[in-house]
């Protein structure tokens, strides 16, 4: 049920804007979903494994870019729910404390095994006092849900799909929404053309700048 190193590395590669990492997680996704995910190649994060990973509110990895800093706890499971108790509940409490003390946005990234399409879901630990971009971003990301007894738990179906999250965090400050008539065939062609370049050039030259045709804020 717990996080494994391979999934942590998978997520690190994606957030760092590595094209091969994004391609790997979107192999069974639609063209639209892949196009959204590919936007992170334009606006990658510095991603580091958190010191003291899994404890003291650091999460497993830290994603940093500009005025964004997000500690992320990575979980994986064969079932769609993970109940937090003992050490995992302590991790949640520590993430919440760290987020409020340091003005960070703590996240859970939940990888469900054995499903086609986007197998990752993202949800946030609700914290008070966020400012700037993190405050705006937090409004669009679903909270970690609560049981009927009020205890936090992870429900894969309640999270935001990773491709939508990547599109959300990759938007430029002045980006305009693209109309629903966007030609996603052209998007796919650009992605394929990018594959002829090296990994380094694909990160710098990638020309995709498409918003999701849906409202990302409705997730």
N, C-alpha and C. Protein backbone atom coordinates (compact mmCIF):
# COMPACT_ATOMS: atom_id res chain seq x y z
N UNK A 1 0.83 -1.20 0.00
CA UNK A 1 0.00 0.00 0.00
C UNK A 1 0.87 1.25 0.00
N UNK A 2 2.06 1.13 0.54
CA UNK A 2 2.87 2.32 0.73
C UNK A 2 3.64 2.68 -0.53
N UNK A 3 4.17 3.89 -0.52
CA UNK A 3 4.92 4.41 -1.64
C UNK A 3 6.13 3.53 -1.93
N UNK A 4 6.44 3.32 -3.22
CA UNK A 4 7.65 2.63 -3.61
C UNK A 4 8.53 3.60 -4.37
N UNK A 5 9.85 3.32 -4.34
CA UNK A 5 10.79 4.24 -4.95
C UNK A 5 10.55 4.47 -6.43
N UNK A 6 10.08 3.45 -7.14
CA UNK A 6 9.89 3.60 -8.58
C UNK A 6 8.84 4.64 -8.91
N UNK A 7 7.77 4.73 -8.13
CA UNK A 7 6.72 5.70 -8.40
C UNK A 7 7.16 7.11 -8.00
N UNK A 8 7.95 7.19 -6.94
CA UNK A 8 8.50 8.49 -6.56
C UNK A 8 9.39 9.03 -7.67
N UNK A 9 10.25 8.18 -8.22
CA UNK A 9 11.12 8.61 -9.32
C UNK A 9 10.30 8.98 -10.55
N UNK A 10 9.23 8.25 -10.79
CA UNK A 10 8.35 8.55 -11.92
C UNK A 10 7.78 9.95 -11.80
N UNK A 11 7.29 10.29 -10.63
CA UNK A 11 6.70 11.62 -10.42
C UNK A 11 7.76 12.71 -10.47
N UNK A 12 8.93 12.44 -9.92
CA UNK A 12 10.01 13.42 -9.96
C UNK A 12 10.38 13.76 -11.40
N UNK A 13 10.46 12.74 -12.24
CA UNK A 13 10.80 12.95 -13.65
C UNK A 13 9.77 13.82 -14.35
N UNK A 14 8.50 13.58 -14.05
CA UNK A 14 7.43 14.35 -14.68
C UNK A 14 7.47 15.81 -14.24
N UNK A 15 7.55 16.06 -12.94
CA UNK A 15 7.55 17.43 -12.44
C UNK A 15 8.78 18.20 -12.89
N UNK A 16 9.88 17.49 -13.12
CA UNK A 16 11.11 18.13 -13.61
C UNK A 16 11.03 18.47 -15.09
N UNK A 17 9.91 18.13 -15.72
CA UNK A 17 9.72 18.48 -17.12
C UNK A 17 10.47 17.60 -18.10
N UNK A 18 10.83 16.39 -17.68
CA UNK A 18 11.53 15.47 -18.57
C UNK A 18 10.52 14.83 -19.52
N UNK A 19 10.72 15.05 -20.81
CA UNK A 19 9.74 14.59 -21.79
C UNK A 19 9.53 13.08 -21.72
N UNK A 20 10.61 12.34 -21.56
CA UNK A 20 10.47 10.88 -21.52
C UNK A 20 9.63 10.44 -20.33
N UNK A 21 9.71 11.19 -19.22
CA UNK A 21 8.90 10.87 -18.06
C UNK A 21 7.42 11.12 -18.31
N UNK A 22 7.12 12.25 -18.98
CA UNK A 22 5.72 12.56 -19.28
C UNK A 22 5.16 11.56 -20.28
N UNK A 23 5.96 11.21 -21.28
CA UNK A 23 5.51 10.22 -22.27
C UNK A 23 5.20 8.89 -21.59
N UNK A 24 6.05 8.50 -20.65
CA UNK A 24 5.88 7.21 -19.98
C UNK A 24 4.55 7.12 -19.23
N UNK A 25 4.15 8.20 -18.55
CA UNK A 25 2.93 8.14 -17.75
C UNK A 25 1.67 8.37 -18.57
N UNK A 26 1.83 8.80 -19.82
CA UNK A 26 0.65 9.11 -20.64
C UNK A 26 0.49 8.15 -21.83
N UNK A 27 1.17 7.03 -21.79
CA UNK A 27 1.12 6.09 -22.92
C UNK A 27 -0.30 5.65 -23.24
N UNK A 28 -1.12 5.44 -22.22
CA UNK A 28 -2.49 4.98 -22.45
C UNK A 28 -3.51 6.09 -22.27
N UNK A 29 -3.05 7.35 -22.27
CA UNK A 29 -3.96 8.49 -22.14
C UNK A 29 -4.43 8.95 -23.52
N UNK A 30 -5.43 9.80 -23.53
CA UNK A 30 -5.90 10.39 -24.78
C UNK A 30 -4.93 11.48 -25.23
N UNK A 31 -5.08 11.93 -26.47
CA UNK A 31 -4.24 13.01 -26.98
C UNK A 31 -4.44 14.28 -26.16
N UNK A 32 -5.66 14.54 -25.77
CA UNK A 32 -5.95 15.74 -24.99
C UNK A 32 -5.23 15.67 -23.64
N UNK A 33 -5.32 14.53 -22.97
CA UNK A 33 -4.67 14.37 -21.67
C UNK A 33 -3.16 14.48 -21.81
N UNK A 34 -2.61 13.89 -22.86
CA UNK A 34 -1.16 13.97 -23.07
C UNK A 34 -0.72 15.40 -23.35
N UNK A 35 -1.52 16.13 -24.11
CA UNK A 35 -1.19 17.52 -24.41
C UNK A 35 -1.16 18.37 -23.15
N UNK A 36 -2.11 18.13 -22.28
CA UNK A 36 -2.14 18.88 -21.01
C UNK A 36 -0.90 18.57 -20.18
N UNK A 37 -0.58 17.29 -20.06
CA UNK A 37 0.57 16.89 -19.25
C UNK A 37 1.87 17.44 -19.81
N UNK A 38 2.00 17.51 -21.13
CA UNK A 38 3.23 17.97 -21.76
C UNK A 38 3.56 19.43 -21.46
N UNK A 39 2.59 20.19 -20.99
CA UNK A 39 2.84 21.60 -20.71
C UNK A 39 3.90 21.80 -19.63
N UNK A 40 4.08 20.81 -18.77
CA UNK A 40 5.09 20.94 -17.71
C UNK A 40 6.49 20.99 -18.29
N UNK A 41 6.68 20.50 -19.52
CA UNK A 41 7.99 20.57 -20.16
C UNK A 41 8.40 22.02 -20.42
N UNK A 42 7.42 22.90 -20.54
CA UNK A 42 7.69 24.32 -20.73
C UNK A 42 8.01 25.02 -19.42
N UNK A 43 7.43 24.55 -18.33
CA UNK A 43 7.61 25.21 -17.04
C UNK A 43 7.93 24.18 -15.96
N UNK A 44 9.14 23.61 -16.05
CA UNK A 44 9.52 22.53 -15.13
C UNK A 44 9.81 23.04 -13.72
N UNK A 45 9.83 22.12 -12.80
CA UNK A 45 10.19 22.39 -11.41
C UNK A 45 11.58 21.85 -11.11
N UNK A 46 12.21 22.45 -10.13
CA UNK A 46 13.36 21.81 -9.49
C UNK A 46 12.77 20.85 -8.47
N UNK A 47 13.07 19.57 -8.63
CA UNK A 47 12.47 18.55 -7.78
C UNK A 47 13.58 17.82 -7.03
N UNK A 48 13.49 17.81 -5.72
CA UNK A 48 14.50 17.15 -4.90
C UNK A 48 13.83 16.21 -3.91
N UNK A 49 14.53 15.15 -3.60
CA UNK A 49 14.03 14.24 -2.56
C UNK A 49 14.22 14.93 -1.22
N UNK A 50 13.15 15.01 -0.47
CA UNK A 50 13.19 15.76 0.77
C UNK A 50 14.11 15.09 1.79
N UNK A 51 14.92 15.90 2.49
CA UNK A 51 15.73 15.32 3.57
C UNK A 51 14.83 14.78 4.66
N UNK A 52 15.18 13.63 5.19
CA UNK A 52 14.31 13.02 6.18
C UNK A 52 12.99 12.63 5.56
N UNK A 53 13.06 12.10 4.33
CA UNK A 53 11.86 11.82 3.55
C UNK A 53 10.83 11.02 4.33
N UNK A 54 9.57 11.49 4.27
CA UNK A 54 8.47 10.78 4.90
C UNK A 54 8.20 11.16 6.34
N UNK A 55 8.92 12.15 6.87
CA UNK A 55 8.71 12.53 8.26
C UNK A 55 8.90 14.03 8.43
N UNK A 56 8.53 14.53 9.59
CA UNK A 56 8.73 15.93 9.95
C UNK A 56 8.11 16.92 8.97
N UNK A 57 7.07 16.51 8.28
CA UNK A 57 6.35 17.45 7.42
C UNK A 57 7.02 17.80 6.12
N UNK A 58 8.06 17.05 5.74
CA UNK A 58 8.76 17.36 4.50
C UNK A 58 8.14 16.69 3.29
N UNK A 59 7.32 15.67 3.50
CA UNK A 59 6.86 14.87 2.38
C UNK A 59 7.99 14.01 1.85
N UNK A 60 7.77 13.42 0.68
CA UNK A 60 8.80 12.60 0.04
C UNK A 60 9.65 13.41 -0.91
N UNK A 61 9.04 14.37 -1.60
CA UNK A 61 9.78 15.22 -2.52
C UNK A 61 9.33 16.67 -2.36
N UNK A 62 10.20 17.58 -2.76
CA UNK A 62 9.89 19.00 -2.78
C UNK A 62 9.95 19.49 -4.22
N UNK A 63 8.90 20.16 -4.67
CA UNK A 63 8.86 20.74 -6.01
C UNK A 63 8.92 22.26 -5.86
N UNK A 64 9.92 22.88 -6.50
CA UNK A 64 10.15 24.31 -6.34
C UNK A 64 10.25 24.99 -7.70
N UNK A 65 9.60 26.16 -7.80
CA UNK A 65 9.69 26.98 -9.01
C UNK A 65 9.18 28.37 -8.68
N UNK A 66 10.01 29.38 -8.90
CA UNK A 66 9.59 30.74 -8.62
C UNK A 66 9.13 30.89 -7.18
N UNK A 67 7.89 31.34 -6.99
CA UNK A 67 7.36 31.48 -5.63
C UNK A 67 6.48 30.30 -5.25
N UNK A 68 6.66 29.17 -5.92
CA UNK A 68 5.93 27.95 -5.58
C UNK A 68 6.86 26.97 -4.87
N UNK A 69 6.37 26.42 -3.77
CA UNK A 69 7.09 25.35 -3.08
C UNK A 69 6.05 24.38 -2.53
N UNK A 70 6.15 23.13 -2.98
CA UNK A 70 5.13 22.15 -2.60
C UNK A 70 5.78 20.87 -2.10
N UNK A 71 5.69 20.60 -0.79
CA UNK A 71 6.10 19.27 -0.31
C UNK A 71 5.05 18.25 -0.72
N UNK A 72 5.49 17.14 -1.28
CA UNK A 72 4.56 16.14 -1.83
C UNK A 72 4.82 14.78 -1.20
N UNK A 73 3.79 14.21 -0.63
CA UNK A 73 3.84 12.85 -0.09
C UNK A 73 3.32 11.91 -1.18
N UNK A 74 4.12 10.92 -1.55
CA UNK A 74 3.77 10.00 -2.63
C UNK A 74 3.27 8.68 -2.06
N UNK A 75 2.11 8.25 -2.54
CA UNK A 75 1.53 6.98 -2.10
C UNK A 75 1.11 6.16 -3.32
N UNK A 76 1.14 4.85 -3.17
CA UNK A 76 0.66 3.97 -4.23
C UNK A 76 -0.11 2.82 -3.59
N UNK A 77 -1.06 2.28 -4.35
CA UNK A 77 -1.89 1.21 -3.81
C UNK A 77 -2.57 0.45 -4.95
N UNK A 78 -2.94 -0.80 -4.68
CA UNK A 78 -3.75 -1.58 -5.62
C UNK A 78 -5.23 -1.31 -5.43
N UNK A 79 -5.58 -0.68 -4.31
CA UNK A 79 -6.97 -0.32 -4.04
C UNK A 79 -7.12 1.20 -4.09
N UNK A 80 -8.36 1.67 -4.26
CA UNK A 80 -8.57 3.10 -4.51
C UNK A 80 -8.67 3.94 -3.24
N UNK A 81 -8.49 3.35 -2.09
CA UNK A 81 -8.54 4.10 -0.84
C UNK A 81 -7.36 3.71 0.05
N UNK A 82 -6.81 4.71 0.72
CA UNK A 82 -5.76 4.49 1.71
C UNK A 82 -6.18 5.21 2.99
N UNK A 83 -6.33 4.46 4.06
CA UNK A 83 -6.72 5.06 5.34
C UNK A 83 -5.46 5.39 6.14
N UNK A 84 -5.44 6.59 6.70
CA UNK A 84 -4.27 7.08 7.41
C UNK A 84 -4.41 6.80 8.90
N UNK A 85 -3.42 6.12 9.44
CA UNK A 85 -3.42 5.84 10.88
C UNK A 85 -1.97 5.64 11.31
N UNK A 86 -1.73 5.86 12.58
CA UNK A 86 -0.38 5.67 13.08
C UNK A 86 0.62 6.59 12.39
N UNK A 87 1.65 6.00 11.80
CA UNK A 87 2.71 6.79 11.16
C UNK A 87 2.17 7.64 10.01
N UNK A 88 1.27 7.09 9.21
CA UNK A 88 0.78 7.85 8.07
C UNK A 88 -0.10 9.03 8.50
N UNK A 89 -0.82 8.86 9.61
CA UNK A 89 -1.59 10.00 10.15
C UNK A 89 -0.65 11.04 10.72
N UNK A 90 0.44 10.61 11.34
CA UNK A 90 1.45 11.56 11.83
C UNK A 90 2.05 12.35 10.67
N UNK A 91 2.26 11.69 9.53
CA UNK A 91 2.78 12.37 8.35
C UNK A 91 1.82 13.46 7.90
N UNK A 92 0.54 13.13 7.87
CA UNK A 92 -0.47 14.11 7.47
C UNK A 92 -0.45 15.32 8.41
N UNK A 93 -0.45 15.07 9.71
CA UNK A 93 -0.45 16.16 10.69
C UNK A 93 0.79 17.02 10.55
N UNK A 94 1.94 16.38 10.30
CA UNK A 94 3.19 17.12 10.16
C UNK A 94 3.18 17.97 8.89
N UNK A 95 2.61 17.44 7.81
CA UNK A 95 2.49 18.22 6.58
C UNK A 95 1.63 19.45 6.80
N UNK A 96 0.52 19.29 7.51
CA UNK A 96 -0.37 20.41 7.77
C UNK A 96 0.33 21.47 8.62
N UNK A 97 1.03 21.03 9.66
CA UNK A 97 1.75 21.96 10.53
C UNK A 97 2.82 22.71 9.76
N UNK A 98 3.60 22.00 8.96
CA UNK A 98 4.66 22.63 8.18
C UNK A 98 4.08 23.61 7.16
N UNK A 99 2.99 23.21 6.50
CA UNK A 99 2.37 24.09 5.52
C UNK A 99 1.92 25.40 6.13
N UNK A 100 1.31 25.35 7.30
CA UNK A 100 0.81 26.57 7.94
C UNK A 100 1.94 27.40 8.54
N UNK A 101 2.96 26.74 9.05
CA UNK A 101 4.07 27.47 9.64
C UNK A 101 4.94 28.16 8.59
N UNK A 102 5.11 27.51 7.44
CA UNK A 102 6.04 27.99 6.42
C UNK A 102 5.37 28.57 5.18
N UNK A 103 4.04 28.56 5.14
CA UNK A 103 3.34 29.10 3.99
C UNK A 103 3.50 28.25 2.74
N UNK A 104 3.50 26.93 2.90
CA UNK A 104 3.65 26.01 1.78
C UNK A 104 2.33 25.29 1.49
N UNK A 105 2.25 24.68 0.31
CA UNK A 105 1.05 23.94 -0.08
C UNK A 105 1.39 22.45 -0.12
N UNK A 106 1.08 21.70 0.95
CA UNK A 106 1.39 20.26 0.98
C UNK A 106 0.40 19.47 0.12
N UNK A 107 0.93 18.50 -0.60
CA UNK A 107 0.11 17.69 -1.50
C UNK A 107 0.33 16.20 -1.27
N UNK A 108 -0.68 15.43 -1.62
CA UNK A 108 -0.54 13.98 -1.76
C UNK A 108 -0.66 13.64 -3.24
N UNK A 109 0.23 12.78 -3.71
CA UNK A 109 0.14 12.23 -5.06
C UNK A 109 -0.09 10.73 -4.93
N UNK A 110 -1.24 10.27 -5.39
CA UNK A 110 -1.71 8.90 -5.18
C UNK A 110 -1.69 8.15 -6.51
N UNK A 111 -0.85 7.14 -6.60
CA UNK A 111 -0.72 6.32 -7.82
C UNK A 111 -1.49 5.01 -7.63
N UNK A 112 -2.57 4.84 -8.40
CA UNK A 112 -3.36 3.61 -8.34
C UNK A 112 -2.79 2.61 -9.35
N UNK A 113 -2.43 1.44 -8.87
CA UNK A 113 -1.81 0.44 -9.73
C UNK A 113 -2.85 -0.29 -10.58
N UNK A 114 -2.45 -0.68 -11.78
CA UNK A 114 -3.28 -1.54 -12.60
C UNK A 114 -4.41 -0.87 -13.35
N UNK A 115 -4.36 0.45 -13.51
CA UNK A 115 -5.41 1.14 -14.27
C UNK A 115 -4.82 1.75 -15.53
N UNK A 116 -5.63 1.83 -16.58
CA UNK A 116 -5.20 2.48 -17.80
C UNK A 116 -5.52 3.97 -17.74
N UNK A 117 -4.86 4.73 -18.60
CA UNK A 117 -5.08 6.17 -18.58
C UNK A 117 -4.21 6.81 -17.51
N UNK A 118 -4.68 7.93 -17.00
CA UNK A 118 -3.94 8.67 -15.97
C UNK A 118 -4.13 7.98 -14.62
N UNK A 119 -3.09 7.35 -14.13
CA UNK A 119 -3.19 6.56 -12.89
C UNK A 119 -2.86 7.36 -11.64
N UNK A 120 -2.49 8.64 -11.80
CA UNK A 120 -2.14 9.50 -10.67
C UNK A 120 -3.29 10.44 -10.32
N UNK A 121 -3.45 10.69 -9.03
CA UNK A 121 -4.39 11.70 -8.56
C UNK A 121 -3.68 12.58 -7.52
N UNK A 122 -4.03 13.86 -7.53
CA UNK A 122 -3.40 14.84 -6.64
C UNK A 122 -4.47 15.46 -5.76
N UNK A 123 -4.16 15.61 -4.48
CA UNK A 123 -5.06 16.30 -3.55
C UNK A 123 -4.22 17.05 -2.52
N UNK A 124 -4.82 18.04 -1.91
CA UNK A 124 -4.04 18.90 -1.01
C UNK A 124 -4.42 18.68 0.45
N UNK A 125 -3.45 18.97 1.31
CA UNK A 125 -3.71 19.08 2.74
C UNK A 125 -4.16 20.51 2.99
N UNK A 126 -5.38 20.75 3.46
CA UNK A 126 -5.85 22.12 3.64
C UNK A 126 -5.07 22.85 4.72
N UNK A 127 -4.56 24.03 4.37
CA UNK A 127 -3.80 24.84 5.33
C UNK A 127 -4.31 26.28 5.26
N UNK A 128 -4.11 26.99 6.34
CA UNK A 128 -4.51 28.39 6.43
C UNK A 128 -3.31 29.30 6.16
N UNK A 129 -3.60 30.50 5.66
CA UNK A 129 -2.57 31.52 5.55
C UNK A 129 -1.75 31.51 4.27
N UNK A 130 -2.17 30.78 3.24
CA UNK A 130 -1.42 30.79 1.99
C UNK A 130 -1.56 32.15 1.31
N UNK A 131 -0.53 32.54 0.55
CA UNK A 131 -0.55 33.80 -0.16
C UNK A 131 -0.08 33.59 -1.60
N UNK A 132 -0.28 34.61 -2.43
CA UNK A 132 0.25 34.59 -3.79
C UNK A 132 -0.29 33.46 -4.64
N UNK A 133 0.60 32.90 -5.47
CA UNK A 133 0.19 31.85 -6.42
C UNK A 133 -0.31 30.61 -5.71
N UNK A 134 0.30 30.28 -4.58
CA UNK A 134 -0.12 29.07 -3.87
C UNK A 134 -1.56 29.19 -3.38
N UNK A 135 -1.94 30.38 -2.96
CA UNK A 135 -3.32 30.59 -2.50
C UNK A 135 -4.30 30.38 -3.65
N UNK A 136 -3.96 30.94 -4.82
CA UNK A 136 -4.83 30.78 -5.99
C UNK A 136 -4.87 29.32 -6.42
N UNK A 137 -3.71 28.69 -6.46
CA UNK A 137 -3.62 27.29 -6.88
C UNK A 137 -4.43 26.37 -5.97
N UNK A 138 -4.36 26.65 -4.67
CA UNK A 138 -5.01 25.76 -3.71
C UNK A 138 -6.52 25.71 -3.89
N UNK A 139 -7.09 26.77 -4.43
CA UNK A 139 -8.54 26.81 -4.61
C UNK A 139 -9.03 25.78 -5.63
N UNK A 140 -8.15 25.37 -6.52
CA UNK A 140 -8.55 24.46 -7.59
C UNK A 140 -8.24 23.01 -7.31
N UNK A 141 -7.48 22.73 -6.27
CA UNK A 141 -7.07 21.36 -5.97
C UNK A 141 -7.96 20.81 -4.85
N UNK A 142 -8.54 19.65 -5.04
CA UNK A 142 -9.42 19.09 -4.00
C UNK A 142 -8.67 18.75 -2.72
N UNK A 143 -9.36 18.91 -1.60
CA UNK A 143 -8.80 18.55 -0.31
C UNK A 143 -8.70 17.04 -0.15
N UNK A 144 -7.79 16.61 0.70
CA UNK A 144 -7.82 15.22 1.17
C UNK A 144 -9.18 15.01 1.83
N UNK A 145 -9.95 14.01 1.42
CA UNK A 145 -11.29 13.83 1.97
C UNK A 145 -11.26 13.32 3.41
N UNK A 146 -12.40 13.40 4.06
CA UNK A 146 -12.54 12.94 5.44
C UNK A 146 -13.54 11.79 5.51
N UNK A 147 -13.30 10.89 6.43
CA UNK A 147 -14.26 9.82 6.69
C UNK A 147 -15.46 10.41 7.44
N UNK A 148 -16.48 9.58 7.66
CA UNK A 148 -17.65 10.06 8.41
C UNK A 148 -17.29 10.44 9.84
N UNK A 149 -16.18 9.91 10.32
CA UNK A 149 -15.70 10.26 11.67
C UNK A 149 -14.78 11.48 11.66
N UNK A 150 -14.57 12.06 10.48
CA UNK A 150 -13.74 13.26 10.40
C UNK A 150 -12.26 13.00 10.27
N UNK A 151 -11.87 11.77 9.98
CA UNK A 151 -10.45 11.45 9.83
C UNK A 151 -10.04 11.53 8.36
N UNK A 152 -8.88 12.13 8.07
CA UNK A 152 -8.44 12.21 6.68
C UNK A 152 -8.07 10.85 6.11
N UNK A 153 -8.37 10.65 4.85
CA UNK A 153 -7.96 9.43 4.15
C UNK A 153 -7.80 9.78 2.67
N UNK A 154 -7.19 8.90 1.91
CA UNK A 154 -6.96 9.16 0.49
C UNK A 154 -7.95 8.35 -0.34
N UNK A 155 -8.73 9.04 -1.14
CA UNK A 155 -9.66 8.40 -2.07
C UNK A 155 -9.25 8.80 -3.48
N UNK A 156 -8.76 7.84 -4.24
CA UNK A 156 -8.23 8.11 -5.58
C UNK A 156 -9.26 8.83 -6.44
N UNK A 157 -10.51 8.48 -6.31
CA UNK A 157 -11.56 9.06 -7.15
C UNK A 157 -11.85 10.52 -6.80
N UNK A 158 -11.44 10.97 -5.63
CA UNK A 158 -11.68 12.35 -5.21
C UNK A 158 -10.55 13.29 -5.61
N UNK A 159 -9.44 12.75 -6.11
CA UNK A 159 -8.29 13.58 -6.44
C UNK A 159 -8.38 14.19 -7.83
N UNK A 160 -7.48 15.13 -8.10
CA UNK A 160 -7.37 15.75 -9.42
C UNK A 160 -6.44 14.91 -10.29
N UNK A 161 -6.86 14.52 -11.50
CA UNK A 161 -5.97 13.78 -12.38
C UNK A 161 -4.66 14.55 -12.61
N UNK A 162 -3.57 13.82 -12.66
CA UNK A 162 -2.26 14.47 -12.76
C UNK A 162 -2.15 15.34 -14.00
N UNK A 163 -2.71 14.91 -15.14
CA UNK A 163 -2.57 15.73 -16.35
C UNK A 163 -3.26 17.08 -16.19
N UNK A 164 -4.35 17.11 -15.45
CA UNK A 164 -5.03 18.39 -15.20
C UNK A 164 -4.22 19.25 -14.23
N UNK A 165 -3.63 18.60 -13.23
CA UNK A 165 -2.78 19.31 -12.29
C UNK A 165 -1.58 19.93 -13.01
N UNK A 166 -0.94 19.17 -13.90
CA UNK A 166 0.22 19.67 -14.63
C UNK A 166 -0.15 20.86 -15.50
N UNK A 167 -1.31 20.80 -16.16
CA UNK A 167 -1.75 21.93 -16.96
C UNK A 167 -2.02 23.15 -16.08
N UNK A 168 -2.59 22.91 -14.91
CA UNK A 168 -2.92 24.00 -13.99
C UNK A 168 -1.67 24.72 -13.51
N UNK A 169 -0.65 23.96 -13.10
CA UNK A 169 0.57 24.59 -12.55
C UNK A 169 1.49 25.11 -13.64
N UNK A 170 1.20 24.79 -14.90
CA UNK A 170 2.06 25.23 -16.00
C UNK A 170 1.53 26.48 -16.69
N UNK A 171 0.40 26.98 -16.26
CA UNK A 171 -0.16 28.16 -16.90
C UNK A 171 0.70 29.38 -16.63
N UNK A 172 0.93 30.18 -17.68
CA UNK A 172 1.62 31.45 -17.51
C UNK A 172 0.69 32.43 -16.82
N UNK A 173 1.28 33.45 -16.18
CA UNK A 173 0.46 34.42 -15.47
C UNK A 173 -0.55 35.10 -16.39
N UNK A 174 -0.12 35.37 -17.62
CA UNK A 174 -1.01 36.06 -18.54
C UNK A 174 -1.65 35.15 -19.56
N UNK A 175 -1.62 33.86 -19.30
CA UNK A 175 -2.15 32.91 -20.28
C UNK A 175 -3.64 33.09 -20.45
N UNK A 176 -4.08 32.94 -21.68
CA UNK A 176 -5.51 33.02 -21.97
C UNK A 176 -6.06 31.63 -22.21
N UNK A 177 -7.31 31.44 -21.84
CA UNK A 177 -7.95 30.13 -22.08
C UNK A 177 -8.09 29.92 -23.57
N UNK A 178 -7.84 28.70 -24.02
CA UNK A 178 -7.99 28.36 -25.42
C UNK A 178 -9.42 27.87 -25.66
N UNK A 179 -9.99 28.26 -26.78
CA UNK A 179 -11.37 27.87 -27.07
C UNK A 179 -11.49 26.37 -27.22
N UNK A 180 -12.70 25.88 -27.03
CA UNK A 180 -12.94 24.45 -27.10
C UNK A 180 -12.66 23.87 -28.48
N UNK A 181 -12.57 24.72 -29.48
CA UNK A 181 -12.32 24.23 -30.83
C UNK A 181 -10.84 24.01 -31.11
N UNK A 182 -10.00 24.08 -30.09
CA UNK A 182 -8.57 23.88 -30.26
C UNK A 182 -8.30 22.59 -31.04
N UNK A 183 -7.39 22.66 -32.01
CA UNK A 183 -7.05 21.51 -32.84
C UNK A 183 -6.05 20.64 -32.12
N UNK A 184 -6.51 19.59 -31.46
CA UNK A 184 -5.61 18.73 -30.71
C UNK A 184 -4.81 17.80 -31.62
N UNK A 185 -5.24 17.67 -32.90
CA UNK A 185 -4.40 16.95 -33.85
C UNK A 185 -3.10 17.69 -34.07
N UNK A 186 -3.19 19.02 -34.15
CA UNK A 186 -1.98 19.84 -34.29
C UNK A 186 -1.11 19.72 -33.05
N UNK A 187 -1.75 19.69 -31.88
CA UNK A 187 -0.99 19.52 -30.64
C UNK A 187 -0.21 18.22 -30.67
N UNK A 188 -0.87 17.15 -31.08
CA UNK A 188 -0.23 15.85 -31.14
C UNK A 188 0.95 15.87 -32.10
N UNK A 189 0.77 16.56 -33.25
CA UNK A 189 1.85 16.64 -34.22
C UNK A 189 3.06 17.34 -33.63
N UNK A 190 2.82 18.42 -32.86
CA UNK A 190 3.92 19.14 -32.25
C UNK A 190 4.67 18.26 -31.26
N UNK A 191 3.90 17.48 -30.49
CA UNK A 191 4.53 16.59 -29.53
C UNK A 191 5.43 15.59 -30.24
N UNK A 192 4.93 15.02 -31.35
CA UNK A 192 5.71 14.04 -32.09
C UNK A 192 6.95 14.67 -32.71
N UNK A 193 6.80 15.91 -33.22
CA UNK A 193 7.95 16.60 -33.79
C UNK A 193 9.01 16.85 -32.74
N UNK A 194 8.56 17.14 -31.52
CA UNK A 194 9.50 17.41 -30.44
C UNK A 194 10.37 16.21 -30.16
N UNK A 195 9.82 15.00 -30.39
CA UNK A 195 10.57 13.79 -30.10
C UNK A 195 11.83 13.64 -30.90
N UNK A 196 11.98 14.39 -32.02
CA UNK A 196 13.18 14.27 -32.83
C UNK A 196 14.35 15.04 -32.25
N UNK A 197 14.08 15.86 -31.26
CA UNK A 197 15.13 16.63 -30.62
C UNK A 197 15.65 15.89 -29.40
N UNK A 198 16.74 16.39 -28.88
CA UNK A 198 17.29 15.80 -27.66
C UNK A 198 16.41 16.18 -26.50
N UNK A 199 16.59 15.48 -25.38
CA UNK A 199 15.79 15.76 -24.19
C UNK A 199 15.97 17.20 -23.74
N UNK A 200 17.21 17.72 -23.85
CA UNK A 200 17.49 19.08 -23.41
C UNK A 200 16.78 20.08 -24.27
N UNK A 201 16.88 19.90 -25.61
CA UNK A 201 16.25 20.86 -26.48
C UNK A 201 14.75 20.79 -26.41
N UNK A 202 14.20 19.60 -26.13
CA UNK A 202 12.74 19.49 -26.05
C UNK A 202 12.20 20.27 -24.89
N UNK A 203 12.98 20.38 -23.81
CA UNK A 203 12.52 21.14 -22.66
C UNK A 203 12.50 22.62 -22.97
N UNK A 204 13.49 23.10 -23.78
CA UNK A 204 13.60 24.52 -24.02
C UNK A 204 12.82 24.99 -25.24
N UNK A 205 12.63 24.09 -26.24
CA UNK A 205 12.02 24.51 -27.48
C UNK A 205 10.55 24.14 -27.60
N UNK A 206 10.06 23.37 -26.68
CA UNK A 206 8.69 22.86 -26.79
C UNK A 206 7.70 24.00 -26.90
N UNK A 207 6.86 23.96 -27.92
CA UNK A 207 6.02 25.11 -28.23
C UNK A 207 4.59 24.98 -27.77
N UNK A 208 4.25 23.92 -27.09
CA UNK A 208 2.86 23.72 -26.67
C UNK A 208 2.50 24.66 -25.54
N UNK A 209 1.42 25.38 -25.69
CA UNK A 209 0.97 26.29 -24.64
C UNK A 209 -0.55 26.31 -24.62
N UNK A 210 -1.10 25.14 -24.41
CA UNK A 210 -2.55 24.97 -24.51
C UNK A 210 -3.17 24.74 -23.16
N UNK A 211 -4.23 25.46 -22.85
CA UNK A 211 -5.01 25.23 -21.65
C UNK A 211 -5.96 24.07 -21.91
N UNK A 212 -6.46 23.46 -20.88
CA UNK A 212 -7.47 22.44 -21.07
C UNK A 212 -8.74 23.09 -21.58
N UNK A 213 -9.48 22.41 -22.46
CA UNK A 213 -10.73 22.98 -22.94
C UNK A 213 -11.79 23.01 -21.86
N UNK A 214 -11.60 22.18 -20.83
CA UNK A 214 -12.52 22.24 -19.69
C UNK A 214 -12.02 23.31 -18.74
N UNK A 215 -12.81 23.66 -17.78
CA UNK A 215 -12.34 24.56 -16.74
C UNK A 215 -11.51 23.77 -15.76
N UNK A 216 -10.22 24.10 -15.67
CA UNK A 216 -9.35 23.38 -14.75
C UNK A 216 -9.75 23.63 -13.31
N UNK A 217 -10.38 24.77 -13.11
CA UNK A 217 -10.72 25.11 -11.74
C UNK A 217 -11.93 24.34 -11.24
N UNK A 218 -12.55 23.52 -12.08
CA UNK A 218 -13.75 22.81 -11.65
C UNK A 218 -13.45 21.46 -11.08
N UNK A 219 -12.13 21.08 -11.09
CA UNK A 219 -11.78 19.75 -10.58
C UNK A 219 -12.07 19.64 -9.11
